[in-house]
N, C-alpha and C. Protein backbone atom coordinates (compact mmCIF):
# COMPACT_ATOMS: atom_id res chain seq x y z
N MET A 1 -20.54 -200.00 -0.21
CA MET A 1 -21.84 -199.65 0.32
C MET A 1 -21.88 -198.13 0.49
N GLU A 2 -23.01 -197.54 0.11
CA GLU A 2 -23.21 -196.12 0.29
C GLU A 2 -24.37 -195.91 1.26
N ILE A 3 -24.15 -195.09 2.28
CA ILE A 3 -25.18 -194.80 3.28
C ILE A 3 -25.34 -193.30 3.36
N ASP A 4 -26.59 -192.83 3.33
CA ASP A 4 -26.88 -191.41 3.50
C ASP A 4 -27.46 -191.22 4.89
N PHE A 5 -26.64 -190.74 5.80
CA PHE A 5 -27.07 -190.56 7.18
C PHE A 5 -27.97 -189.34 7.37
N ASP A 6 -28.12 -188.53 6.33
CA ASP A 6 -28.97 -187.36 6.42
C ASP A 6 -30.43 -187.68 6.13
N VAL A 7 -30.68 -188.86 5.55
CA VAL A 7 -32.05 -189.27 5.25
C VAL A 7 -32.60 -189.97 6.48
N VAL A 8 -33.63 -189.39 7.03
CA VAL A 8 -34.25 -189.97 8.22
C VAL A 8 -35.68 -190.36 7.87
N GLY A 9 -36.02 -191.62 8.10
CA GLY A 9 -37.39 -192.06 7.84
C GLY A 9 -38.34 -191.48 8.87
N LYS A 10 -39.53 -191.16 8.41
CA LYS A 10 -40.53 -190.63 9.33
C LYS A 10 -41.09 -191.76 10.18
N MET A 11 -41.23 -191.49 11.48
CA MET A 11 -41.81 -192.48 12.37
C MET A 11 -42.72 -191.78 13.35
N ALA A 12 -43.92 -192.29 13.48
CA ALA A 12 -44.86 -191.82 14.48
C ALA A 12 -44.95 -192.89 15.56
N ASP A 13 -44.57 -192.54 16.77
CA ASP A 13 -44.55 -193.52 17.86
C ASP A 13 -45.65 -193.20 18.85
N PHE A 14 -46.66 -194.09 18.92
CA PHE A 14 -47.79 -193.90 19.82
C PHE A 14 -47.79 -194.91 20.96
N VAL A 15 -46.67 -195.57 21.21
CA VAL A 15 -46.57 -196.52 22.32
C VAL A 15 -46.39 -195.72 23.60
N THR A 16 -47.35 -195.83 24.52
CA THR A 16 -47.31 -195.04 25.75
C THR A 16 -47.02 -195.88 26.99
N VAL A 17 -47.16 -197.20 26.88
CA VAL A 17 -46.81 -198.10 27.99
C VAL A 17 -46.03 -199.26 27.40
N PRO A 18 -45.10 -199.83 28.16
CA PRO A 18 -44.34 -200.96 27.63
C PRO A 18 -45.22 -202.21 27.48
N ALA A 19 -44.74 -203.14 26.68
CA ALA A 19 -45.45 -204.40 26.49
C ALA A 19 -45.71 -205.04 27.86
N GLY A 20 -46.88 -205.64 28.01
CA GLY A 20 -47.22 -206.29 29.26
C GLY A 20 -48.72 -206.46 29.39
N THR A 21 -49.15 -206.92 30.54
CA THR A 21 -50.57 -207.09 30.83
C THR A 21 -50.96 -206.12 31.93
N TYR A 22 -52.01 -205.36 31.68
CA TYR A 22 -52.45 -204.30 32.58
C TYR A 22 -53.93 -204.44 32.88
N LEU A 23 -54.32 -204.00 34.08
CA LEU A 23 -55.74 -203.84 34.36
C LEU A 23 -56.15 -202.59 33.60
N CYS A 24 -57.05 -202.75 32.63
CA CYS A 24 -57.46 -201.63 31.78
C CYS A 24 -58.96 -201.39 31.89
N ARG A 25 -59.33 -200.13 31.70
CA ARG A 25 -60.72 -199.71 31.69
C ARG A 25 -61.04 -199.24 30.27
N VAL A 26 -62.21 -199.64 29.79
CA VAL A 26 -62.70 -199.14 28.51
C VAL A 26 -63.23 -197.73 28.78
N THR A 27 -62.57 -196.72 28.21
CA THR A 27 -62.98 -195.35 28.49
C THR A 27 -63.78 -194.72 27.36
N GLU A 28 -63.73 -195.33 26.20
CA GLU A 28 -64.46 -194.78 25.06
C GLU A 28 -64.73 -195.90 24.06
N VAL A 29 -65.88 -195.87 23.44
CA VAL A 29 -66.22 -196.82 22.38
C VAL A 29 -66.73 -196.01 21.19
N ARG A 30 -66.06 -196.18 20.06
CA ARG A 30 -66.46 -195.47 18.83
C ARG A 30 -67.03 -196.47 17.84
N PRO A 31 -68.34 -196.42 17.60
CA PRO A 31 -68.93 -197.33 16.62
C PRO A 31 -68.59 -196.87 15.20
N GLY A 32 -68.48 -197.84 14.31
CA GLY A 32 -68.20 -197.54 12.91
C GLY A 32 -68.43 -198.78 12.07
N LEU A 33 -67.92 -198.73 10.86
CA LEU A 33 -68.05 -199.84 9.92
C LEU A 33 -66.69 -200.19 9.34
N THR A 34 -66.50 -201.47 9.05
CA THR A 34 -65.30 -201.89 8.34
C THR A 34 -65.47 -201.58 6.86
N ARG A 35 -64.40 -201.73 6.08
CA ARG A 35 -64.51 -201.52 4.63
C ARG A 35 -65.50 -202.49 4.00
N ALA A 36 -65.66 -203.66 4.63
CA ALA A 36 -66.59 -204.66 4.11
C ALA A 36 -68.04 -204.38 4.54
N GLY A 37 -68.23 -203.35 5.38
CA GLY A 37 -69.58 -202.98 5.80
C GLY A 37 -70.04 -203.62 7.10
N ASP A 38 -69.16 -204.35 7.78
CA ASP A 38 -69.52 -204.95 9.06
C ASP A 38 -69.40 -203.92 10.18
N GLU A 39 -70.25 -204.06 11.20
CA GLU A 39 -70.18 -203.14 12.33
C GLU A 39 -68.88 -203.38 13.10
N ARG A 40 -68.23 -202.27 13.50
CA ARG A 40 -66.98 -202.33 14.26
C ARG A 40 -67.05 -201.31 15.38
N TRP A 41 -66.64 -201.72 16.58
CA TRP A 41 -66.53 -200.81 17.71
C TRP A 41 -65.06 -200.69 18.06
N SER A 42 -64.55 -199.48 18.10
CA SER A 42 -63.16 -199.24 18.51
C SER A 42 -63.16 -198.90 19.99
N LEU A 43 -62.33 -199.61 20.76
CA LEU A 43 -62.29 -199.46 22.21
C LEU A 43 -61.01 -198.74 22.62
N ARG A 44 -61.15 -197.68 23.39
CA ARG A 44 -59.97 -197.02 23.96
C ARG A 44 -59.74 -197.64 25.33
N LEU A 45 -58.56 -198.22 25.51
CA LEU A 45 -58.20 -198.92 26.74
C LEU A 45 -57.17 -198.09 27.51
N VAL A 46 -57.49 -197.76 28.76
CA VAL A 46 -56.63 -196.95 29.60
C VAL A 46 -56.26 -197.77 30.83
N VAL A 47 -54.99 -197.70 31.22
CA VAL A 47 -54.51 -198.43 32.39
C VAL A 47 -55.23 -197.92 33.63
N ALA A 48 -55.78 -198.86 34.43
CA ALA A 48 -56.63 -198.50 35.57
C ALA A 48 -55.91 -198.51 36.91
N GLU A 49 -54.72 -199.10 36.99
CA GLU A 49 -53.99 -199.10 38.26
C GLU A 49 -52.53 -199.38 38.00
N GLY A 50 -51.71 -199.09 39.01
CA GLY A 50 -50.28 -199.37 38.91
C GLY A 50 -49.48 -198.19 38.41
N GLN A 51 -48.26 -198.45 38.04
CA GLN A 51 -47.29 -197.43 37.66
C GLN A 51 -47.76 -196.56 36.49
N HIS A 52 -48.51 -197.14 35.56
CA HIS A 52 -48.92 -196.42 34.36
C HIS A 52 -50.39 -195.99 34.38
N VAL A 53 -50.98 -195.92 35.55
CA VAL A 53 -52.40 -195.56 35.67
C VAL A 53 -52.69 -194.27 34.91
N GLY A 54 -53.80 -194.29 34.17
CA GLY A 54 -54.22 -193.12 33.43
C GLY A 54 -53.66 -193.02 32.03
N LYS A 55 -52.66 -193.83 31.71
CA LYS A 55 -52.09 -193.79 30.36
C LYS A 55 -52.88 -194.69 29.42
N GLN A 56 -52.94 -194.27 28.18
CA GLN A 56 -53.62 -195.10 27.18
C GLN A 56 -52.78 -196.33 26.91
N ALA A 57 -53.37 -197.51 27.05
CA ALA A 57 -52.67 -198.76 26.77
C ALA A 57 -52.74 -199.07 25.28
N ALA A 58 -53.92 -198.90 24.68
CA ALA A 58 -54.10 -199.23 23.26
C ALA A 58 -55.49 -198.85 22.82
N TRP A 59 -55.67 -198.81 21.51
CA TRP A 59 -56.98 -198.83 20.89
C TRP A 59 -57.14 -200.23 20.34
N ASP A 60 -58.30 -200.82 20.50
CA ASP A 60 -58.57 -202.15 19.96
C ASP A 60 -59.94 -202.11 19.29
N SER A 61 -60.18 -203.05 18.41
CA SER A 61 -61.47 -203.07 17.70
C SER A 61 -62.15 -204.42 17.83
N LEU A 62 -63.46 -204.35 17.92
CA LEU A 62 -64.31 -205.54 17.86
C LEU A 62 -65.09 -205.45 16.56
N VAL A 63 -65.03 -206.51 15.78
CA VAL A 63 -65.78 -206.56 14.52
C VAL A 63 -66.88 -207.59 14.69
N PHE A 64 -68.10 -207.20 14.34
CA PHE A 64 -69.25 -208.07 14.56
C PHE A 64 -69.67 -208.80 13.29
N SER A 65 -68.68 -209.23 12.52
CA SER A 65 -68.94 -210.09 11.36
C SER A 65 -69.11 -211.52 11.89
N THR A 66 -69.49 -212.42 11.03
CA THR A 66 -69.61 -213.82 11.44
C THR A 66 -68.27 -214.31 11.98
N ARG A 67 -67.19 -213.98 11.29
CA ARG A 67 -65.86 -214.42 11.71
C ARG A 67 -65.40 -213.70 12.99
N GLY A 68 -65.75 -212.43 13.15
CA GLY A 68 -65.28 -211.65 14.28
C GLY A 68 -66.03 -211.89 15.58
N ARG A 69 -67.18 -212.55 15.51
CA ARG A 69 -67.97 -212.76 16.73
C ARG A 69 -67.27 -213.61 17.78
N ALA A 70 -66.41 -214.53 17.36
CA ALA A 70 -65.71 -215.38 18.34
C ALA A 70 -64.83 -214.51 19.23
N ARG A 71 -64.13 -213.55 18.65
CA ARG A 71 -63.28 -212.67 19.46
C ARG A 71 -64.15 -211.73 20.30
N ALA A 72 -65.23 -211.22 19.73
CA ALA A 72 -66.13 -210.36 20.49
C ALA A 72 -66.64 -211.09 21.73
N ARG A 73 -66.93 -212.38 21.58
CA ARG A 73 -67.39 -213.18 22.71
C ARG A 73 -66.32 -213.23 23.80
N LEU A 74 -65.05 -213.43 23.42
CA LEU A 74 -63.95 -213.46 24.40
C LEU A 74 -63.83 -212.13 25.14
N VAL A 75 -63.94 -211.04 24.40
CA VAL A 75 -63.81 -209.72 25.00
C VAL A 75 -65.00 -209.43 25.92
N PHE A 76 -66.21 -209.72 25.45
CA PHE A 76 -67.39 -209.50 26.29
C PHE A 76 -67.28 -210.29 27.59
N PHE A 77 -66.88 -211.55 27.50
CA PHE A 77 -66.73 -212.39 28.69
C PHE A 77 -65.74 -211.75 29.66
N ALA A 78 -64.58 -211.33 29.14
CA ALA A 78 -63.56 -210.73 30.00
C ALA A 78 -64.05 -209.44 30.65
N LEU A 79 -64.93 -208.72 29.97
CA LEU A 79 -65.45 -207.47 30.51
C LEU A 79 -66.66 -207.67 31.41
N GLY A 80 -67.08 -208.92 31.60
CA GLY A 80 -68.22 -209.20 32.48
C GLY A 80 -69.56 -208.96 31.82
N LEU A 81 -69.61 -209.03 30.50
CA LEU A 81 -70.87 -208.85 29.76
C LEU A 81 -71.38 -210.21 29.30
N PRO A 82 -72.67 -210.33 28.99
CA PRO A 82 -73.21 -211.60 28.49
C PRO A 82 -72.48 -212.00 27.21
N ALA A 83 -72.10 -213.27 27.12
CA ALA A 83 -71.31 -213.73 25.98
C ALA A 83 -71.88 -215.00 25.36
N THR A 84 -73.13 -215.33 25.68
CA THR A 84 -73.77 -216.50 25.09
C THR A 84 -75.19 -216.14 24.69
N GLY A 85 -75.71 -216.86 23.72
CA GLY A 85 -77.08 -216.64 23.28
C GLY A 85 -77.25 -215.31 22.57
N ARG A 86 -78.47 -214.88 22.45
CA ARG A 86 -78.81 -213.62 21.79
C ARG A 86 -78.81 -212.53 22.86
N VAL A 87 -78.01 -211.49 22.66
CA VAL A 87 -77.92 -210.41 23.64
C VAL A 87 -78.12 -209.07 22.95
N GLN A 88 -78.60 -208.11 23.70
CA GLN A 88 -78.74 -206.74 23.22
C GLN A 88 -77.71 -205.91 23.96
N VAL A 89 -76.77 -205.32 23.25
CA VAL A 89 -75.72 -204.54 23.88
C VAL A 89 -75.45 -203.30 23.04
N GLU A 90 -75.15 -202.22 23.73
CA GLU A 90 -74.85 -200.94 23.10
C GLU A 90 -73.41 -200.55 23.42
N PRO A 91 -72.78 -199.72 22.61
CA PRO A 91 -71.38 -199.32 22.89
C PRO A 91 -71.19 -198.78 24.30
N ARG A 92 -72.14 -198.01 24.81
CA ARG A 92 -72.00 -197.42 26.16
C ARG A 92 -71.97 -198.50 27.25
N ASP A 93 -72.48 -199.71 26.95
CA ASP A 93 -72.46 -200.79 27.93
C ASP A 93 -71.03 -201.27 28.24
N LEU A 94 -70.10 -201.01 27.34
CA LEU A 94 -68.71 -201.41 27.53
C LEU A 94 -67.92 -200.36 28.31
N GLU A 95 -68.33 -199.11 28.22
CA GLU A 95 -67.59 -198.03 28.87
C GLU A 95 -67.57 -198.20 30.38
N GLY A 96 -66.38 -198.06 30.95
CA GLY A 96 -66.20 -198.22 32.39
C GLY A 96 -65.87 -199.64 32.81
N ARG A 97 -66.05 -200.60 31.92
CA ARG A 97 -65.75 -202.01 32.25
C ARG A 97 -64.25 -202.22 32.28
N VAL A 98 -63.80 -203.21 33.07
CA VAL A 98 -62.38 -203.48 33.22
C VAL A 98 -62.07 -204.94 32.92
N ALA A 99 -60.82 -205.16 32.49
CA ALA A 99 -60.29 -206.50 32.26
C ALA A 99 -58.77 -206.40 32.27
N PHE A 100 -58.11 -207.52 32.44
CA PHE A 100 -56.67 -207.56 32.25
C PHE A 100 -56.45 -207.66 30.74
N VAL A 101 -55.62 -206.75 30.22
CA VAL A 101 -55.41 -206.69 28.78
C VAL A 101 -53.91 -206.74 28.49
N GLU A 102 -53.54 -207.64 27.59
CA GLU A 102 -52.16 -207.74 27.14
C GLU A 102 -51.96 -206.78 25.97
N VAL A 103 -50.90 -205.98 26.03
CA VAL A 103 -50.56 -205.10 24.92
C VAL A 103 -49.12 -205.35 24.51
N ARG A 104 -48.86 -205.12 23.23
CA ARG A 104 -47.50 -205.27 22.69
C ARG A 104 -47.35 -204.29 21.53
N PRO A 105 -46.14 -203.77 21.34
CA PRO A 105 -45.94 -202.82 20.25
C PRO A 105 -45.99 -203.51 18.89
N ALA A 106 -46.50 -202.79 17.92
CA ALA A 106 -46.55 -203.26 16.54
C ALA A 106 -46.23 -202.09 15.62
N GLU A 107 -45.61 -202.37 14.49
CA GLU A 107 -45.28 -201.33 13.52
C GLU A 107 -45.95 -201.64 12.20
N TYR A 108 -46.36 -200.59 11.51
CA TYR A 108 -46.88 -200.77 10.16
C TYR A 108 -46.57 -199.50 9.36
N ALA A 109 -46.58 -199.64 8.04
CA ALA A 109 -46.33 -198.50 7.16
C ALA A 109 -47.67 -197.87 6.78
N SER A 110 -47.79 -196.58 7.01
CA SER A 110 -49.01 -195.87 6.64
C SER A 110 -49.00 -195.64 5.13
N PRO A 111 -50.15 -195.26 4.56
CA PRO A 111 -50.20 -195.03 3.11
C PRO A 111 -49.22 -193.96 2.62
N ASN A 112 -48.84 -193.03 3.48
CA ASN A 112 -47.89 -191.99 3.06
C ASN A 112 -46.43 -192.40 3.28
N GLY A 113 -46.20 -193.67 3.64
CA GLY A 113 -44.84 -194.18 3.80
C GLY A 113 -44.25 -194.01 5.18
N GLU A 114 -44.98 -193.39 6.09
CA GLU A 114 -44.50 -193.19 7.45
C GLU A 114 -44.63 -194.50 8.23
N THR A 115 -43.66 -194.80 9.06
CA THR A 115 -43.75 -195.95 9.94
C THR A 115 -44.51 -195.53 11.19
N VAL A 116 -45.55 -196.28 11.51
CA VAL A 116 -46.37 -195.99 12.69
C VAL A 116 -46.16 -197.11 13.69
N ARG A 117 -45.88 -196.74 14.91
CA ARG A 117 -45.68 -197.70 16.00
C ARG A 117 -46.74 -197.44 17.05
N ARG A 118 -47.47 -198.48 17.43
CA ARG A 118 -48.52 -198.35 18.43
C ARG A 118 -48.69 -199.69 19.13
N ASN A 119 -49.37 -199.67 20.26
CA ASN A 119 -49.65 -200.93 20.96
C ASN A 119 -50.85 -201.59 20.32
N GLU A 120 -50.80 -202.91 20.28
CA GLU A 120 -51.93 -203.70 19.82
C GLU A 120 -52.28 -204.73 20.88
N VAL A 121 -53.49 -205.25 20.80
CA VAL A 121 -53.95 -206.30 21.71
C VAL A 121 -54.04 -207.58 20.90
N PRO A 122 -53.37 -208.67 21.33
CA PRO A 122 -53.49 -209.93 20.60
C PRO A 122 -54.94 -210.45 20.61
N TYR A 123 -55.23 -211.36 19.71
CA TYR A 123 -56.56 -211.94 19.57
C TYR A 123 -57.13 -212.36 20.92
N ASP A 124 -56.34 -213.10 21.70
CA ASP A 124 -56.81 -213.60 23.00
C ASP A 124 -56.18 -212.82 24.16
N GLY A 125 -56.00 -211.53 23.98
CA GLY A 125 -55.29 -210.71 24.95
C GLY A 125 -56.12 -210.17 26.11
N TYR A 126 -57.33 -210.65 26.29
CA TYR A 126 -58.20 -210.19 27.38
C TYR A 126 -58.39 -211.30 28.40
N ARG A 127 -58.35 -210.95 29.69
CA ARG A 127 -58.64 -211.89 30.77
C ARG A 127 -59.59 -211.21 31.75
N PRO A 128 -60.57 -211.96 32.26
CA PRO A 128 -61.49 -211.34 33.23
C PRO A 128 -60.80 -211.08 34.56
N VAL A 129 -61.30 -210.08 35.26
CA VAL A 129 -60.86 -209.80 36.62
C VAL A 129 -61.73 -210.67 37.51
N PRO A 130 -61.14 -211.43 38.45
CA PRO A 130 -61.98 -212.24 39.34
C PRO A 130 -63.06 -211.36 40.00
N GLU A 131 -64.26 -211.89 40.09
CA GLU A 131 -65.44 -211.12 40.53
C GLU A 131 -65.20 -210.34 41.82
N GLY A 132 -64.57 -210.92 42.81
CA GLY A 132 -64.33 -210.23 44.07
C GLY A 132 -63.34 -209.09 43.95
N ASP A 133 -62.51 -209.11 42.91
CA ASP A 133 -61.50 -208.07 42.72
C ASP A 133 -61.92 -207.03 41.70
N ARG A 134 -63.08 -207.20 41.06
CA ARG A 134 -63.49 -206.31 39.97
C ARG A 134 -63.78 -204.91 40.51
N PRO A 135 -63.07 -203.89 40.00
CA PRO A 135 -63.38 -202.52 40.40
C PRO A 135 -64.79 -202.16 39.95
N ARG A 136 -65.37 -201.19 40.62
CA ARG A 136 -66.70 -200.74 40.22
C ARG A 136 -66.63 -200.11 38.84
N VAL A 137 -67.72 -200.22 38.10
CA VAL A 137 -67.78 -199.67 36.75
C VAL A 137 -67.71 -198.14 36.78
N ASP A 138 -68.04 -197.50 37.91
CA ASP A 138 -68.05 -196.04 37.97
C ASP A 138 -66.66 -195.43 38.02
N GLY A 139 -65.62 -196.26 38.01
CA GLY A 139 -64.27 -195.72 37.95
C GLY A 139 -63.45 -195.94 39.20
N ALA A 140 -64.03 -196.35 40.30
CA ALA A 140 -63.26 -196.57 41.51
C ALA A 140 -62.56 -197.91 41.42
N ALA A 141 -61.25 -197.88 41.44
CA ALA A 141 -60.49 -199.12 41.35
C ALA A 141 -60.10 -199.56 42.74
N GLY A 142 -60.19 -200.84 42.98
CA GLY A 142 -59.78 -201.36 44.27
C GLY A 142 -58.48 -202.11 44.14
N GLY A 143 -57.88 -202.42 45.25
CA GLY A 143 -56.66 -203.21 45.24
C GLY A 143 -55.52 -202.48 44.57
N GLY A 144 -54.44 -203.18 44.37
CA GLY A 144 -53.30 -202.58 43.70
C GLY A 144 -52.29 -203.64 43.34
N GLY A 145 -51.71 -203.50 42.19
CA GLY A 145 -50.66 -204.41 41.78
C GLY A 145 -51.13 -205.84 41.56
N ARG A 146 -52.39 -206.06 41.26
CA ARG A 146 -52.87 -207.41 41.03
C ARG A 146 -52.29 -207.97 39.76
N LYS A 147 -52.12 -209.26 39.72
CA LYS A 147 -51.66 -209.93 38.52
C LYS A 147 -52.84 -210.61 37.86
N PRO A 148 -52.81 -210.71 36.52
CA PRO A 148 -53.91 -211.40 35.85
C PRO A 148 -53.92 -212.87 36.22
N PRO A 149 -55.09 -213.50 36.18
CA PRO A 149 -55.14 -214.92 36.47
C PRO A 149 -54.34 -215.70 35.45
N LYS A 150 -53.69 -216.75 35.92
CA LYS A 150 -52.93 -217.59 35.00
C LYS A 150 -53.88 -218.45 34.21
N THR A 151 -53.52 -218.68 32.95
CA THR A 151 -54.32 -219.55 32.09
C THR A 151 -53.41 -220.59 31.50
N ALA A 152 -53.97 -221.75 31.22
CA ALA A 152 -53.19 -222.82 30.59
C ALA A 152 -53.22 -222.58 29.09
N GLN A 153 -52.04 -222.31 28.53
CA GLN A 153 -51.95 -222.09 27.10
C GLN A 153 -50.78 -222.89 26.56
N ALA A 154 -50.96 -223.43 25.37
CA ALA A 154 -49.84 -224.11 24.72
C ALA A 154 -48.79 -223.07 24.40
N GLY A 155 -47.53 -223.45 24.58
CA GLY A 155 -46.45 -222.54 24.26
C GLY A 155 -46.40 -221.36 25.20
N GLY A 156 -46.65 -221.57 26.47
CA GLY A 156 -46.63 -220.49 27.45
C GLY A 156 -45.26 -219.87 27.56
N ASP A 157 -45.16 -218.83 28.38
CA ASP A 157 -43.92 -218.09 28.47
C ASP A 157 -42.92 -218.74 29.43
N GLY A 158 -43.26 -219.89 29.98
CA GLY A 158 -42.34 -220.59 30.86
C GLY A 158 -42.26 -219.99 32.24
N ASP A 159 -43.14 -219.10 32.57
CA ASP A 159 -43.15 -218.44 33.87
C ASP A 159 -43.73 -219.39 34.90
N ASP A 160 -42.88 -219.92 35.76
CA ASP A 160 -43.32 -220.87 36.77
C ASP A 160 -43.43 -220.21 38.13
N GLU A 161 -43.79 -218.93 38.14
CA GLU A 161 -43.91 -218.18 39.38
C GLU A 161 -44.93 -218.83 40.30
N GLU A 162 -44.64 -218.82 41.60
CA GLU A 162 -45.56 -219.39 42.57
C GLU A 162 -46.83 -218.54 42.65
N VAL A 163 -47.98 -219.18 42.75
CA VAL A 163 -49.26 -218.48 42.79
C VAL A 163 -49.61 -218.12 44.22
N ASP A 164 -49.98 -216.85 44.44
CA ASP A 164 -50.41 -216.38 45.74
C ASP A 164 -51.82 -216.89 45.98
N PRO A 165 -52.11 -217.59 47.09
CA PRO A 165 -53.45 -218.10 47.36
C PRO A 165 -54.52 -217.02 47.36
N ASP A 166 -54.16 -215.78 47.69
CA ASP A 166 -55.14 -214.69 47.67
C ASP A 166 -55.56 -214.31 46.25
N GLU A 167 -54.80 -214.77 45.25
CA GLU A 167 -55.13 -214.44 43.86
C GLU A 167 -55.98 -215.52 43.20
N ILE A 168 -56.23 -216.61 43.90
CA ILE A 168 -57.05 -217.67 43.33
C ILE A 168 -58.53 -217.24 43.47
N PRO A 169 -59.27 -217.24 42.33
CA PRO A 169 -60.63 -216.67 42.35
C PRO A 169 -61.72 -217.53 42.97
N PHE A 170 -61.40 -218.52 43.80
CA PHE A 170 -62.45 -219.31 44.45
C PHE A 170 -62.10 -219.58 45.88
């Protein structure tokens, strides 16, 4: 076997927070189009409280194609926006909204051969903040160290942690 230790692959690392679920605020929405011509909004998600407050958690995109509307509905619901029927919404309506967002690192090869590492949000990586705990949209966050509400999912992480009664949203 021959190894050249002088050859170092290029890597761009944009992971700013470790994998996990964070209370995030949408701080910017950039409208655009996909290659197929569908409307796409790119969301900049910034951690709103805790150890990593103020750090960018991830960029995520909503695509408003027929196929992408199901995910857009999940994200709108988690952000406290109307998610049923016919709605009129603008990119600025998302700015300042908060939700619990799961992020995890992902790597891909850029067209120039560089490895790019950044956080991504899974398809169902958004959870609503219980109404009584929702920080104001103007940026004032309340509480601290809250955990996202538990959801019943197949193949869960096996976390059988006891639930604090103060975290139950009813």
